[in-house]
């Protein structure tokens, strides 16, 4: 199934996904100290039958640091142990948001158990 990235809605915007011009996360948690944070994105995938499926994905913001040699801010490929509480909190908040917020044009399905 081919994935097509579509602009995500602002929290207060009822505008359809296809009509949004700028790509913004549906929800941000953070950034916290060091730049650690999580973003929830609204995406659509084209189905083989020509329809689309709306789903969410989550990205984790990298830890940021200032490199004195290059005099620039950079992204770190890893996290410090002190980043973990904020990262865990942000991921739990993203999980709760995804399980309690209906997708646009849909409702939460009560038949599926919450996997936590």
PDB file of N, CA and C in Angstrom:
ATOM      1  N   UNK A   1       0.843  -1.160   0.000  1.00  0.00           N
ATOM      2  CA  UNK A   1       0.000   0.000   0.000  1.00  0.00           C
ATOM      3  C   UNK A   1       0.895   1.232   0.000  1.00  0.00           C
ATOM      4  N   UNK A   2       0.714   2.119  -0.950  1.00  0.00           N
ATOM      5  CA  UNK A   2       1.523   3.328  -1.071  1.00  0.00           C
ATOM      6  C   UNK A   2       1.032   4.368  -0.078  1.00  0.00           C
ATOM      7  N   UNK A   3       1.965   4.958   0.654  1.00  0.00           N
ATOM      8  CA  UNK A   3       1.586   5.981   1.633  1.00  0.00           C
ATOM      9  C   UNK A   3       1.749   7.354   1.028  1.00  0.00           C
ATOM     10  N   UNK A   4       0.741   8.175   1.223  1.00  0.00           N
ATOM     11  CA  UNK A   4       0.782   9.541   0.766  1.00  0.00           C
ATOM     12  C   UNK A   4       0.696  10.443   1.979  1.00  0.00           C
ATOM     13  N   UNK A   5       1.704  11.273   2.190  1.00  0.00           N
ATOM     14  CA  UNK A   5       1.691  12.200   3.304  1.00  0.00           C
ATOM     15  C   UNK A   5       0.752  13.353   2.967  1.00  0.00           C
ATOM     16  N   UNK A   6      -0.141  13.618   3.848  1.00  0.00           N
ATOM     17  CA  UNK A   6      -1.081  14.724   3.688  1.00  0.00           C
ATOM     18  C   UNK A   6      -0.871  15.707   4.827  1.00  0.00           C
ATOM     19  N   UNK A   7      -1.248  16.966   4.628  1.00  0.00           N
ATOM     20  CA  UNK A   7      -1.140  17.912   5.730  1.00  0.00           C
ATOM     21  C   UNK A   7      -1.990  17.466   6.906  1.00  0.00           C
ATOM     22  N   UNK A   8      -1.459  17.606   8.121  1.00  0.00           N
ATOM     23  CA  UNK A   8      -2.188  17.235   9.334  1.00  0.00           C
ATOM     24  C   UNK A   8      -3.005  18.419   9.829  1.00  0.00           C
ATOM     25  N   UNK A   9      -4.093  18.163  10.548  1.00  0.00           N
ATOM     26  CA  UNK A   9      -4.942  19.245  11.015  1.00  0.00           C
ATOM     27  C   UNK A   9      -4.356  19.948  12.225  1.00  0.00           C
ATOM     28  N   UNK A  10      -4.694  21.191  12.380  1.00  0.00           N
ATOM     29  CA  UNK A  10      -4.439  21.893  13.617  1.00  0.00           C
ATOM     30  C   UNK A  10      -5.475  21.390  14.599  1.00  0.00           C
ATOM     31  N   UNK A  11      -5.210  21.510  15.874  1.00  0.00           N
ATOM     32  CA  UNK A  11      -6.109  20.955  16.878  1.00  0.00           C
ATOM     33  C   UNK A  11      -7.534  21.513  16.760  1.00  0.00           C
ATOM     34  N   UNK A  12      -7.692  22.775  16.418  1.00  0.00           N
ATOM     35  CA  UNK A  12      -9.018  23.388  16.365  1.00  0.00           C
ATOM     36  C   UNK A  12      -9.614  23.410  14.951  1.00  0.00           C
ATOM     37  N   UNK A  13      -8.903  22.936  13.951  1.00  0.00           N
ATOM     38  CA  UNK A  13      -9.331  23.083  12.570  1.00  0.00           C
ATOM     39  C   UNK A  13     -10.222  21.937  12.109  1.00  0.00           C
ATOM     40  N   UNK A  14     -11.454  22.228  11.654  1.00  0.00           N
ATOM     41  CA  UNK A  14     -12.305  21.180  11.127  1.00  0.00           C
ATOM     42  C   UNK A  14     -12.101  20.960   9.630  1.00  0.00           C
ATOM     43  N   UNK A  15     -11.153  21.673   9.039  1.00  0.00           N
ATOM     44  CA  UNK A  15     -10.905  21.627   7.598  1.00  0.00           C
ATOM     45  C   UNK A  15     -10.463  20.230   7.160  1.00  0.00           C
ATOM     46  N   UNK A  16     -10.962  19.730   6.033  1.00  0.00           N
ATOM     47  CA  UNK A  16     -10.551  18.406   5.555  1.00  0.00           C
ATOM     48  C   UNK A  16      -9.050  18.321   5.333  1.00  0.00           C
ATOM     49  N   UNK A  17      -8.500  17.130   5.503  1.00  0.00           N
ATOM     50  CA  UNK A  17      -7.053  16.918   5.396  1.00  0.00           C
ATOM     51  C   UNK A  17      -6.509  17.399   4.064  1.00  0.00           C
ATOM     52  N   UNK A  18      -7.159  17.059   2.975  1.00  0.00           N
ATOM     53  CA  UNK A  18      -6.645  17.371   1.639  1.00  0.00           C
ATOM     54  C   UNK A  18      -6.582  18.867   1.366  1.00  0.00           C
ATOM     55  N   UNK A  19      -7.324  19.685   2.120  1.00  0.00           N
ATOM     56  CA  UNK A  19      -7.356  21.120   1.852  1.00  0.00           C
ATOM     57  C   UNK A  19      -6.326  21.905   2.655  1.00  0.00           C
ATOM     58  N   UNK A  20      -5.567  21.272   3.518  1.00  0.00           N
ATOM     59  CA  UNK A  20      -4.581  21.990   4.315  1.00  0.00           C
ATOM     60  C   UNK A  20      -3.307  22.162   3.511  1.00  0.00           C
ATOM     61  N   UNK A  21      -2.723  23.362   3.577  1.00  0.00           N
ATOM     62  CA  UNK A  21      -1.571  23.646   2.730  1.00  0.00           C
ATOM     63  C   UNK A  21      -0.235  23.380   3.412  1.00  0.00           C
ATOM     64  N   UNK A  22      -0.121  23.572   4.716  1.00  0.00           N
ATOM     65  CA  UNK A  22       1.169  23.371   5.370  1.00  0.00           C
ATOM     66  C   UNK A  22       1.152  22.088   6.189  1.00  0.00           C
ATOM     67  N   UNK A  23       2.248  21.402   6.171  1.00  0.00           N
ATOM     68  CA  UNK A  23       2.357  20.119   6.874  1.00  0.00           C
ATOM     69  C   UNK A  23       2.744  20.389   8.317  1.00  0.00           C
ATOM     70  N   UNK A  24       1.812  20.214   9.219  1.00  0.00           N
ATOM     71  CA  UNK A  24       2.027  20.409  10.640  1.00  0.00           C
ATOM     72  C   UNK A  24       1.562  19.166  11.385  1.00  0.00           C
ATOM     73  N   UNK A  25       2.175  18.853  12.525  1.00  0.00           N
ATOM     74  CA  UNK A  25       1.683  17.717  13.301  1.00  0.00           C
ATOM     75  C   UNK A  25       0.270  17.987  13.802  1.00  0.00           C
ATOM     76  N   UNK A  26      -0.473  16.936  13.990  1.00  0.00           N
ATOM     77  CA  UNK A  26      -1.806  17.048  14.577  1.00  0.00           C
ATOM     78  C   UNK A  26      -1.690  17.427  16.047  1.00  0.00           C
ATOM     79  N   UNK A  27      -0.657  16.914  16.711  1.00  0.00           N
ATOM     80  CA  UNK A  27      -0.455  17.175  18.137  1.00  0.00           C
ATOM     81  C   UNK A  27       1.036  17.137  18.424  1.00  0.00           C
ATOM     82  N   UNK A  28       1.487  18.073  19.265  1.00  0.00           N
ATOM     83  CA  UNK A  28       2.880  18.088  19.717  1.00  0.00           C
ATOM     84  C   UNK A  28       2.898  17.916  21.232  1.00  0.00           C
ATOM     85  N   UNK A  29       3.825  17.126  21.707  1.00  0.00           N
ATOM     86  CA  UNK A  29       4.067  16.991  23.133  1.00  0.00           C
ATOM     87  C   UNK A  29       5.521  17.369  23.338  1.00  0.00           C
ATOM     88  N   UNK A  30       5.765  18.482  23.997  1.00  0.00           N
ATOM     89  CA  UNK A  30       7.111  19.024  24.137  1.00  0.00           C
ATOM     90  C   UNK A  30       7.268  20.181  23.163  1.00  0.00           C
ATOM     91  N   UNK A  31       8.447  20.619  22.883  1.00  0.00           N
ATOM     92  CA  UNK A  31       9.723  20.058  23.300  1.00  0.00           C
ATOM     93  C   UNK A  31      10.032  20.358  24.762  1.00  0.00           C
ATOM     94  N   UNK A  32      10.755  19.440  25.354  1.00  0.00           N
ATOM     95  CA  UNK A  32      11.217  19.585  26.719  1.00  0.00           C
ATOM     96  C   UNK A  32      12.690  19.956  26.685  1.00  0.00           C
ATOM     97  N   UNK A  33      13.316  20.005  27.831  1.00  0.00           N
ATOM     98  CA  UNK A  33      14.736  20.366  27.904  1.00  0.00           C
ATOM     99  C   UNK A  33      15.550  19.501  26.940  1.00  0.00           C
ATOM    100  N   UNK A  34      16.431  20.122  26.207  1.00  0.00           N
ATOM    101  CA  UNK A  34      17.261  19.400  25.248  1.00  0.00           C
ATOM    102  C   UNK A  34      16.568  19.148  23.921  1.00  0.00           C
ATOM    103  N   UNK A  35      15.340  19.631  23.759  1.00  0.00           N
ATOM    104  CA  UNK A  35      14.636  19.475  22.492  1.00  0.00           C
ATOM    105  C   UNK A  35      13.840  18.196  22.369  1.00  0.00           C
ATOM    106  N   UNK A  36      13.848  17.349  23.394  1.00  0.00           N
ATOM    107  CA  UNK A  36      13.128  16.082  23.344  1.00  0.00           C
ATOM    108  C   UNK A  36      11.629  16.345  23.287  1.00  0.00           C
ATOM    109  N   UNK A  37      10.962  15.675  22.373  1.00  0.00           N
ATOM    110  CA  UNK A  37       9.519  15.811  22.247  1.00  0.00           C
ATOM    111  C   UNK A  37       8.985  14.789  21.266  1.00  0.00           C
ATOM    112  N   UNK A  38       7.676  14.774  21.131  1.00  0.00           N
ATOM    113  CA  UNK A  38       6.997  13.813  20.272  1.00  0.00           C
ATOM    114  C   UNK A  38       5.964  14.563  19.452  1.00  0.00           C
ATOM    115  N   UNK A  39       5.774  14.139  18.214  1.00  0.00           N
ATOM    116  CA  UNK A  39       4.734  14.712  17.354  1.00  0.00           C
ATOM    117  C   UNK A  39       3.838  13.591  16.849  1.00  0.00           C
ATOM    118  N   UNK A  40       2.536  13.856  16.836  1.00  0.00           N
ATOM    119  CA  UNK A  40       1.562  12.920  16.284  1.00  0.00           C
ATOM    120  C   UNK A  40       1.137  13.482  14.934  1.00  0.00           C
ATOM    121  N   UNK A  41       1.263  12.669  13.901  1.00  0.00           N
ATOM    122  CA  UNK A  41       0.964  13.089  12.531  1.00  0.00           C
ATOM    123  C   UNK A  41      -0.263  12.354  12.015  1.00  0.00           C
ATOM    124  N   UNK A  42      -1.061  13.036  11.243  1.00  0.00           N
ATOM    125  CA  UNK A  42      -2.202  12.435  10.576  1.00  0.00           C
ATOM    126  C   UNK A  42      -1.789  12.166   9.137  1.00  0.00           C
ATOM    127  N   UNK A  43      -1.962  10.932   8.685  1.00  0.00           N
ATOM    128  CA  UNK A  43      -1.540  10.521   7.353  1.00  0.00           C
ATOM    129  C   UNK A  43      -2.671   9.800   6.638  1.00  0.00           C
ATOM    130  N   UNK A  44      -2.510   9.647   5.337  1.00  0.00           N
ATOM    131  CA  UNK A  44      -3.445   8.872   4.547  1.00  0.00           C
ATOM    132  C   UNK A  44      -2.668   7.941   3.641  1.00  0.00           C
ATOM    133  N   UNK A  45      -3.230   6.766   3.426  1.00  0.00           N
ATOM    134  CA  UNK A  45      -2.633   5.782   2.517  1.00  0.00           C
ATOM    135  C   UNK A  45      -3.666   5.433   1.467  1.00  0.00           C
ATOM    136  N   UNK A  46      -3.203   5.310   0.246  1.00  0.00           N
ATOM    137  CA  UNK A  46      -4.090   4.884  -0.834  1.00  0.00           C
ATOM    138  C   UNK A  46      -4.212   3.368  -0.790  1.00  0.00           C
ATOM    139  N   UNK A  47      -5.439   2.885  -0.871  1.00  0.00           N
ATOM    140  CA  UNK A  47      -5.706   1.455  -0.850  1.00  0.00           C
ATOM    141  C   UNK A  47      -5.759   0.915  -2.274  1.00  0.00           C
ATOM    142  N   UNK A  48      -5.528  -0.381  -2.455  1.00  0.00           N
ATOM    143  CA  UNK A  48      -5.560  -0.962  -3.801  1.00  0.00           C
ATOM    144  C   UNK A  48      -6.892  -0.755  -4.521  1.00  0.00           C
ATOM    145  N   UNK A  49      -7.988  -0.641  -3.750  1.00  0.00           N
ATOM    146  CA  UNK A  49      -9.300  -0.445  -4.376  1.00  0.00           C
ATOM    147  C   UNK A  49      -9.576   1.013  -4.739  1.00  0.00           C
ATOM    148  N   UNK A  50      -8.598   1.896  -4.528  1.00  0.00           N
ATOM    149  CA  UNK A  50      -8.755   3.308  -4.873  1.00  0.00           C
ATOM    150  C   UNK A  50      -9.188   4.179  -3.711  1.00  0.00           C
ATOM    151  N   UNK A  51      -9.583   3.587  -2.612  1.00  0.00           N
ATOM    152  CA  UNK A  51      -9.978   4.352  -1.433  1.00  0.00           C
ATOM    153  C   UNK A  51      -8.759   4.809  -0.657  1.00  0.00           C
ATOM    154  N   UNK A  52      -9.005   5.458   0.453  1.00  0.00           N
ATOM    155  CA  UNK A  52      -7.917   5.892   1.314  1.00  0.00           C
ATOM    156  C   UNK A  52      -8.193   5.455   2.747  1.00  0.00           C
ATOM    157  N   UNK A  53      -7.124   5.295   3.490  1.00  0.00           N
ATOM    158  CA  UNK A  53      -7.215   4.968   4.906  1.00  0.00           C
ATOM    159  C   UNK A  53      -6.464   6.049   5.664  1.00  0.00           C
ATOM    160  N   UNK A  54      -7.104   6.621   6.670  1.00  0.00           N
ATOM    161  CA  UNK A  54      -6.485   7.641   7.501  1.00  0.00           C
ATOM    162  C   UNK A  54      -5.916   6.963   8.738  1.00  0.00           C
ATOM    163  N   UNK A  55      -4.696   7.345   9.099  1.00  0.00           N
ATOM    164  CA  UNK A  55      -4.042   6.750  10.265  1.00  0.00           C
ATOM    165  C   UNK A  55      -3.089   7.774  10.875  1.00  0.00           C
ATOM    166  N   UNK A  56      -2.628   7.475  12.067  1.00  0.00           N
ATOM    167  CA  UNK A  56      -1.676   8.344  12.751  1.00  0.00           C
ATOM    168  C   UNK A  56      -0.316   7.670  12.810  1.00  0.00           C
ATOM    169  N   UNK A  57       0.724   8.499  12.847  1.00  0.00           N
ATOM    170  CA  UNK A  57       2.075   8.024  13.096  1.00  0.00           C
ATOM    171  C   UNK A  57       2.727   8.980  14.090  1.00  0.00           C
ATOM    172  N   UNK A  58       3.757   8.493  14.747  1.00  0.00           N
ATOM    173  CA  UNK A  58       4.408   9.271  15.796  1.00  0.00           C
ATOM    174  C   UNK A  58       5.888   9.405  15.463  1.00  0.00           C
ATOM    175  N   UNK A  59       6.415  10.613  15.629  1.00  0.00           N
ATOM    176  CA  UNK A  59       7.853  10.825  15.493  1.00  0.00           C
ATOM    177  C   UNK A  59       8.397  11.360  16.813  1.00  0.00           C
ATOM    178  N   UNK A  60       9.629  10.993  17.102  1.00  0.00           N
ATOM    179  CA  UNK A  60      10.308  11.449  18.311  1.00  0.00           C
ATOM    180  C   UNK A  60      11.364  12.465  17.890  1.00  0.00           C
ATOM    181  N   UNK A  61      11.312  13.639  18.505  1.00  0.00           N
ATOM    182  CA  UNK A  61      12.288  14.682  18.182  1.00  0.00           C
ATOM    183  C   UNK A  61      13.650  14.298  18.749  1.00  0.00           C
ATOM    184  N   UNK A  62      14.696  14.547  18.009  1.00  0.00           N
ATOM    185  CA  UNK A  62      16.039  14.206  18.505  1.00  0.00           C
ATOM    186  C   UNK A  62      16.477  15.164  19.610  1.00  0.00           C
ATOM    187  N   UNK A  63      17.416  14.692  20.394  1.00  0.00           N
ATOM    188  CA  UNK A  63      18.042  15.558  21.393  1.00  0.00           C
ATOM    189  C   UNK A  63      18.908  16.567  20.643  1.00  0.00           C
ATOM    190  N   UNK A  64      18.881  17.811  21.081  1.00  0.00           N
ATOM    191  CA  UNK A  64      19.665  18.871  20.429  1.00  0.00           C
ATOM    192  C   UNK A  64      20.859  19.239  21.298  1.00  0.00           C
ATOM    193  N   UNK A  65      21.947  19.601  20.638  1.00  0.00           N
ATOM    194  CA  UNK A  65      23.114  20.090  21.364  1.00  0.00           C
ATOM    195  C   UNK A  65      23.828  21.129  20.509  1.00  0.00           C
ATOM    196  N   UNK A  66      24.596  21.984  21.179  1.00  0.00           N
ATOM    197  CA  UNK A  66      25.350  23.030  20.479  1.00  0.00           C
ATOM    198  C   UNK A  66      26.784  22.557  20.302  1.00  0.00           C
ATOM    199  N   UNK A  67      27.221  22.467  19.055  1.00  0.00           N
ATOM    200  CA  UNK A  67      28.584  22.060  18.719  1.00  0.00           C
ATOM    201  C   UNK A  67      29.454  23.305  18.662  1.00  0.00           C
ATOM    202  N   UNK A  68      30.345  23.424  19.631  1.00  0.00           N
ATOM    203  CA  UNK A  68      31.187  24.621  19.716  1.00  0.00           C
ATOM    204  C   UNK A  68      32.184  24.720  18.564  1.00  0.00           C
ATOM    205  N   UNK A  69      32.609  23.581  18.024  1.00  0.00           N
ATOM    206  CA  UNK A  69      33.563  23.617  16.908  1.00  0.00           C
ATOM    207  C   UNK A  69      32.948  24.228  15.660  1.00  0.00           C
ATOM    208  N   UNK A  70      31.720  23.830  15.330  1.00  0.00           N
ATOM    209  CA  UNK A  70      31.074  24.356  14.128  1.00  0.00           C
ATOM    210  C   UNK A  70      30.194  25.564  14.424  1.00  0.00           C
ATOM    211  N   UNK A  71      29.999  25.848  15.721  1.00  0.00           N
ATOM    212  CA  UNK A  71      29.159  26.962  16.145  1.00  0.00           C
ATOM    213  C   UNK A  71      27.718  26.801  15.638  1.00  0.00           C
ATOM    214  N   UNK A  72      27.226  25.553  15.649  1.00  0.00           N
ATOM    215  CA  UNK A  72      25.877  25.254  15.168  1.00  0.00           C
ATOM    216  C   UNK A  72      25.158  24.297  16.115  1.00  0.00           C
ATOM    217  N   UNK A  73      23.830  24.370  16.083  1.00  0.00           N
ATOM    218  CA  UNK A  73      23.010  23.396  16.788  1.00  0.00           C
ATOM    219  C   UNK A  73      22.910  22.146  15.927  1.00  0.00           C
ATOM    220  N   UNK A  74      23.002  20.985  16.573  1.00  0.00           N
ATOM    221  CA  UNK A  74      22.930  19.714  15.855  1.00  0.00           C
ATOM    222  C   UNK A  74      21.988  18.757  16.567  1.00  0.00           C
ATOM    223  N   UNK A  75      21.571  17.731  15.819  1.00  0.00           N
ATOM    224  CA  UNK A  75      20.743  16.665  16.379  1.00  0.00           C
ATOM    225  C   UNK A  75      21.645  15.518  16.818  1.00  0.00           C
ATOM    226  N   UNK A  76      21.384  15.004  18.008  1.00  0.00           N
ATOM    227  CA  UNK A  76      22.141  13.860  18.505  1.00  0.00           C
ATOM    228  C   UNK A  76      21.439  12.565  18.089  1.00  0.00           C
ATOM    229  N   UNK A  77      22.188  11.520  17.786  1.00  0.00           N
ATOM    230  CA  UNK A  77      21.574  10.242  17.402  1.00  0.00           C
ATOM    231  C   UNK A  77      21.141   9.404  18.602  1.00  0.00           C
ATOM    232  N   UNK A  78      21.347   9.918  19.813  1.00  0.00           N
ATOM    233  CA  UNK A  78      21.021   9.149  21.011  1.00  0.00           C
ATOM    234  C   UNK A  78      20.470  10.096  22.079  1.00  0.00           C
ATOM    235  N   UNK A  79      20.043   9.496  23.190  1.00  0.00           N
ATOM    236  CA  UNK A  79      19.488  10.263  24.305  1.00  0.00           C
ATOM    237  C   UNK A  79      20.322  10.017  25.552  1.00  0.00           C
ATOM    238  N   UNK A  80      20.325  10.982  26.439  1.00  0.00           N
ATOM    239  CA  UNK A  80      20.970  10.828  27.734  1.00  0.00           C
ATOM    240  C   UNK A  80      19.977  10.199  28.704  1.00  0.00           C
ATOM    241  N   UNK A  81      20.462   9.532  29.744  1.00  0.00           N
ATOM    242  CA  UNK A  81      19.541   8.985  30.739  1.00  0.00           C
ATOM    243  C   UNK A  81      18.610  10.043  31.332  1.00  0.00           C
ATOM    244  N   UNK A  82      19.070  11.285  31.416  1.00  0.00           N
ATOM    245  CA  UNK A  82      18.226  12.348  31.966  1.00  0.00           C
ATOM    246  C   UNK A  82      17.106  12.760  31.012  1.00  0.00           C
ATOM    247  N   UNK A  83      17.196  12.360  29.736  1.00  0.00           N
ATOM    248  CA  UNK A  83      16.142  12.649  28.761  1.00  0.00           C
ATOM    249  C   UNK A  83      14.982  11.662  28.869  1.00  0.00           C
ATOM    250  N   UNK A  84      15.219  10.508  29.466  1.00  0.00           N
ATOM    251  CA  UNK A  84      14.235   9.430  29.453  1.00  0.00           C
ATOM    252  C   UNK A  84      12.907   9.768  30.128  1.00  0.00           C
ATOM    253  N   UNK A  85      12.880  10.428  31.296  1.00  0.00           N
ATOM    254  CA  UNK A  85      11.568  10.745  31.874  1.00  0.00           C
ATOM    255  C   UNK A  85      10.693  11.606  30.952  1.00  0.00           C
ATOM    256  N   UNK A  86      11.272  12.617  30.327  1.00  0.00           N
ATOM    257  CA  UNK A  86      10.500  13.462  29.411  1.00  0.00           C
ATOM    258  C   UNK A  86      10.073  12.678  28.179  1.00  0.00           C
ATOM    259  N   UNK A  87      10.942  11.832  27.677  1.00  0.00           N
ATOM    260  CA  UNK A  87      10.625  11.027  26.508  1.00  0.00           C
ATOM    261  C   UNK A  87       9.513  10.026  26.815  1.00  0.00           C
ATOM    262  N   UNK A  88       9.600   9.362  27.951  1.00  0.00           N
ATOM    263  CA  UNK A  88       8.555   8.415  28.360  1.00  0.00           C
ATOM    264  C   UNK A  88       7.228   9.137  28.538  1.00  0.00           C
ATOM    265  N   UNK A  89       7.248  10.292  29.205  1.00  0.00           N
ATOM    266  CA  UNK A  89       6.025  11.069  29.397  1.00  0.00           C
ATOM    267  C   UNK A  89       5.411  11.453  28.050  1.00  0.00           C
ATOM    268  N   UNK A  90       6.238  11.954  27.145  1.00  0.00           N
ATOM    269  CA  UNK A  90       5.732  12.396  25.840  1.00  0.00           C
ATOM    270  C   UNK A  90       5.142  11.229  25.053  1.00  0.00           C
ATOM    271  N   UNK A  91       5.789  10.068  25.090  1.00  0.00           N
ATOM    272  CA  UNK A  91       5.264   8.896  24.386  1.00  0.00           C
ATOM    273  C   UNK A  91       3.949   8.417  25.001  1.00  0.00           C
ATOM    274  N   UNK A  92       3.838   8.452  26.322  1.00  0.00           N
ATOM    275  CA  UNK A  92       2.587   8.057  26.971  1.00  0.00           C
ATOM    276  C   UNK A  92       1.464   9.021  26.612  1.00  0.00           C
ATOM    277  N   UNK A  93       1.768  10.304  26.551  1.00  0.00           N
ATOM    278  CA  UNK A  93       0.760  11.294  26.166  1.00  0.00           C
ATOM    279  C   UNK A  93       0.324  11.093  24.715  1.00  0.00           C
ATOM    280  N   UNK A  94       1.270  10.798  23.838  1.00  0.00           N
ATOM    281  CA  UNK A  94       0.943  10.537  22.431  1.00  0.00           C
ATOM    282  C   UNK A  94       0.069   9.293  22.318  1.00  0.00           C
ATOM    283  N   UNK A  95       0.397   8.266  23.070  1.00  0.00           N
ATOM    284  CA  UNK A  95      -0.397   7.040  23.055  1.00  0.00           C
ATOM    285  C   UNK A  95      -1.816   7.316  23.539  1.00  0.00           C
ATOM    286  N   UNK A  96      -1.962   8.034  24.627  1.00  0.00           N
ATOM    287  CA  UNK A  96      -3.286   8.361  25.152  1.00  0.00           C
ATOM    288  C   UNK A  96      -4.082   9.194  24.142  1.00  0.00           C
ATOM    289  N   UNK A  97      -3.423  10.144  23.504  1.00  0.00           N
ATOM    290  CA  UNK A  97      -4.098  10.971  22.494  1.00  0.00           C
ATOM    291  C   UNK A  97      -4.619  10.107  21.345  1.00  0.00           C
ATOM    292  N   UNK A  98      -3.775   9.206  20.860  1.00  0.00           N
ATOM    293  CA  UNK A  98      -4.173   8.364  19.728  1.00  0.00           C
ATOM    294  C   UNK A  98      -5.329   7.436  20.075  1.00  0.00           C
ATOM    295  N   UNK A  99      -5.366   6.935  21.302  1.00  0.00           N
ATOM    296  CA  UNK A  99      -6.415   6.006  21.687  1.00  0.00           C
ATOM    297  C   UNK A  99      -7.697   6.681  22.134  1.00  0.00           C
ATOM    298  N   UNK A 100      -7.661   7.991  22.385  1.00  0.00           N
ATOM    299  CA  UNK A 100      -8.864   8.681  22.865  1.00  0.00           C
ATOM    300  C   UNK A 100      -9.409   9.719  21.894  1.00  0.00           C
ATOM    301  N   UNK A 101      -8.711   9.977  20.808  1.00  0.00           N
ATOM    302  CA  UNK A 101      -9.138  10.993  19.845  1.00  0.00           C
ATOM    303  C   UNK A 101      -9.538  10.322  18.539  1.00  0.00           C
ATOM    304  N   UNK A 102     -10.801  10.473  18.133  1.00  0.00           N
ATOM    305  CA  UNK A 102     -11.230   9.852  16.872  1.00  0.00           C
ATOM    306  C   UNK A 102     -10.483  10.446  15.680  1.00  0.00           C
ATOM    307  N   UNK A 103     -10.278   9.629  14.673  1.00  0.00           N
ATOM    308  CA  UNK A 103      -9.727  10.127  13.416  1.00  0.00           C
ATOM    309  C   UNK A 103     -10.774  11.010  12.754  1.00  0.00           C
ATOM    310  N   UNK A 104     -10.370  11.988  11.965  1.00  0.00           N
ATOM    311  CA  UNK A 104     -11.343  12.831  11.269  1.00  0.00           C
ATOM    312  C   UNK A 104     -12.310  11.981  10.442  1.00  0.00           C
ATOM    313  N   UNK A 105     -13.586  12.252  10.590  1.00  0.00           N
ATOM    314  CA  UNK A 105     -14.598  11.527   9.842  1.00  0.00           C
ATOM    315  C   UNK A 105     -14.921  10.170  10.420  1.00  0.00           C
ATOM    316  N   UNK A 106     -14.397   9.876  11.576  1.00  0.00           N
ATOM    317  CA  UNK A 106     -14.645   8.571  12.180  1.00  0.00           C
ATOM    318  C   UNK A 106     -14.913   8.691  13.655  1.00  0.00           C
ATOM    319  N   UNK A 107     -15.180   7.571  14.255  1.00  0.00           N
ATOM    320  CA  UNK A 107     -15.391   7.509  15.685  1.00  0.00           C
ATOM    321  C   UNK A 107     -14.458   6.464  16.259  1.00  0.00           C
ATOM    322  N   UNK A 108     -14.208   6.569  17.543  1.00  0.00           N
ATOM    323  CA  UNK A 108     -13.413   5.548  18.195  1.00  0.00           C
ATOM    324  C   UNK A 108     -14.205   4.250  18.210  1.00  0.00           C
ATOM    325  N   UNK A 109     -13.500   3.161  17.972  1.00  0.00           N
ATOM    326  CA  UNK A 109     -14.165   1.864  17.974  1.00  0.00           C
ATOM    327  C   UNK A 109     -14.078   1.283  19.383  1.00  0.00           C
ATOM    328  N   UNK A 110     -15.243   1.091  20.000  1.00  0.00           N
ATOM    329  CA  UNK A 110     -15.273   0.527  21.335  1.00  0.00           C
ATOM    330  C   UNK A 110     -15.007  -0.962  21.338  1.00  0.00           C
ATOM    331  N   UNK A 111     -15.121  -1.593  20.169  1.00  0.00           N
ATOM    332  CA  UNK A 111     -14.958  -3.039  20.102  1.00  0.00           C
ATOM    333  C   UNK A 111     -13.500  -3.472  20.253  1.00  0.00           C
ATOM    334  N   UNK A 112     -12.554  -2.595  19.917  1.00  0.00           N
ATOM    335  CA  UNK A 112     -11.144  -2.960  20.026  1.00  0.00           C
ATOM    336  C   UNK A 112     -10.620  -2.598  21.412  1.00  0.00           C
ATOM    337  N   UNK A 113      -9.988  -3.527  22.088  1.00  0.00           N
ATOM    338  CA  UNK A 113      -9.440  -3.216  23.403  1.00  0.00           C
ATOM    339  C   UNK A 113      -8.229  -2.291  23.273  1.00  0.00           C
ATOM    340  N   UNK A 114      -8.064  -1.407  24.246  1.00  0.00           N
ATOM    341  CA  UNK A 114      -6.910  -0.538  24.264  1.00  0.00           C
ATOM    342  C   UNK A 114      -5.688  -1.376  24.642  1.00  0.00           C
ATOM    343  N   UNK A 115      -4.607  -1.311  23.839  1.00  0.00           N
ATOM    344  CA  UNK A 115      -3.475  -2.202  24.063  1.00  0.00           C
ATOM    345  C   UNK A 115      -2.536  -1.760  25.185  1.00  0.00           C
ATOM    346  N   UNK A 116      -3.060  -1.146  26.217  1.00  0.00           N
ATOM    347  CA  UNK A 116      -2.222  -0.817  27.383  1.00  0.00           C
ATOM    348  C   UNK A 116      -3.001  -0.974  28.640  1.00  0.00           C
TER     349      UNK A 116
END
